[in-house]
Amino acid sequence: KDTMVKHIVLYTFKEGVNKEEAVQIVADALEPLVGKIEGLNWLEICQAYQGGMDYALDSEFESREALAAYATHPLHEEAKAKFFHLLDKRYCADYEY
């Protein structure tokens, strides 16, 4: 397979959330999923310093199918439960390269 999928998500947190702590919570929940969910090659969470968003998720998948499987994977659902209540806005872009 030559084609990979990039999954990029930009988020803002709800009012009153400690952004640095929240970014660490998200990173601690999602980054360990690499190696545990098939087709997820790489995932990084970073706090954003400009652009109106609080943090960025940058990840790489083997295929569109792998990304779709990740979205509903029980480990991903369990990880999201740790921080989804902190989130306000979410913008996502997926592309092949």
Protein backbone atom coordinates (compact mmCIF):
# COMPACT_ATOMS: atom_id res chain seq x y z
CA LYS A 1 0.00 0.00 0.00
CA ASP A 2 1.45 3.32 -1.05
CA THR A 3 -1.41 5.52 0.12
CA MET A 4 -1.57 6.61 3.75
CA VAL A 5 -4.26 8.64 5.48
CA LYS A 6 -3.55 11.74 7.55
CA HIS A 7 -6.15 12.52 10.24
CA ILE A 8 -5.79 16.02 11.67
CA VAL A 9 -8.15 17.44 14.28
CA LEU A 10 -8.13 20.89 15.87
CA TYR A 11 -9.97 21.47 19.13
CA THR A 12 -10.95 24.13 21.60
CA PHE A 13 -11.73 23.46 25.24
CA LYS A 14 -14.75 24.68 27.14
CA GLU A 15 -14.54 27.91 29.11
CA GLY A 16 -12.71 27.51 32.40
CA VAL A 17 -10.73 24.39 31.46
CA ASN A 18 -7.02 24.48 32.34
CA LYS A 19 -5.64 24.08 28.81
CA GLU A 20 -2.17 22.77 29.68
CA GLU A 21 -3.59 20.12 32.01
CA ALA A 22 -6.30 19.21 29.51
CA VAL A 23 -3.82 18.78 26.64
CA GLN A 24 -1.80 16.41 28.84
CA ILE A 25 -4.96 14.43 29.68
CA VAL A 26 -5.76 14.08 25.97
CA ALA A 27 -2.18 13.11 25.08
CA ASP A 28 -2.02 10.54 27.90
CA ALA A 29 -5.30 9.03 26.72
CA LEU A 30 -4.68 8.89 22.96
CA GLU A 31 -0.94 8.62 22.28
CA PRO A 32 -0.61 5.14 23.90
CA LEU A 33 -3.14 3.79 21.38
CA VAL A 34 -0.34 3.60 18.79
CA GLY A 35 0.64 -0.06 18.68
CA LYS A 36 -2.65 -1.14 20.25
CA ILE A 37 -5.03 -0.30 17.39
CA GLU A 38 -4.19 -1.91 14.07
CA GLY A 39 -3.60 0.55 11.26
CA LEU A 40 -2.84 3.52 13.54
CA ASN A 41 0.78 4.26 12.67
CA TRP A 42 1.37 7.51 14.52
CA LEU A 43 -0.48 9.99 16.72
CA GLU A 44 0.66 13.19 18.38
CA ILE A 45 -1.17 15.72 20.55
CA CYS A 46 0.27 19.22 20.86
CA GLN A 47 -0.95 22.42 22.48
CA ALA A 48 -1.49 25.15 19.89
CA TYR A 49 -0.01 28.58 20.52
CA GLN A 50 -1.89 30.50 17.84
CA GLY A 51 -4.70 30.19 15.33
CA GLY A 52 -7.61 30.24 17.75
CA MET A 53 -7.47 26.52 18.62
CA ASP A 54 -6.26 25.00 21.89
CA TYR A 55 -4.65 21.81 20.62
CA ALA A 56 -3.99 19.78 17.51
CA LEU A 57 -4.17 16.03 16.99
CA ASP A 58 -1.97 14.83 14.14
CA SER A 59 -2.17 11.15 13.20
CA GLU A 60 -1.42 8.73 10.41
CA PHE A 61 -3.31 5.62 9.37
CA GLU A 62 -2.59 2.82 6.90
CA SER A 63 -5.87 3.34 5.05
CA ARG A 64 -9.32 4.91 5.09
CA GLU A 65 -10.60 1.62 6.48
CA ALA A 66 -8.08 1.74 9.33
CA LEU A 67 -9.23 5.27 10.23
CA ALA A 68 -12.88 4.19 10.14
CA ALA A 69 -12.10 1.21 12.40
CA TYR A 70 -10.19 3.47 14.83
CA ALA A 71 -13.15 5.84 15.12
CA THR A 72 -15.35 3.15 16.70
CA HIS A 73 -12.63 0.99 18.31
CA PRO A 74 -13.37 0.21 21.99
CA LEU A 75 -9.93 1.48 23.11
CA HIS A 76 -10.52 4.77 21.29
CA GLU A 77 -14.01 5.10 22.80
CA GLU A 78 -12.55 4.43 26.27
CA ALA A 79 -9.82 7.05 25.72
CA LYS A 80 -12.31 9.67 24.49
CA ALA A 81 -14.41 9.21 27.63
CA LYS A 82 -11.49 10.61 29.66
CA PHE A 83 -11.56 14.02 27.97
CA PHE A 84 -14.57 14.49 25.67
CA HIS A 85 -16.44 16.43 28.37
CA LEU A 86 -13.69 19.09 28.24
CA LEU A 87 -14.08 19.85 24.54
CA ASP A 88 -15.96 22.68 22.89
CA LYS A 89 -15.27 22.93 19.15
CA ARG A 90 -13.74 20.33 16.84
CA TYR A 91 -12.55 20.68 13.25
CA CYS A 92 -11.26 17.69 11.33
CA ALA A 93 -9.56 17.05 8.00
CA ASP A 94 -8.61 13.66 6.56
CA TYR A 95 -6.57 13.25 3.39
CA GLU A 96 -4.65 10.62 1.51
CA TYR A 97 -1.01 11.04 0.56
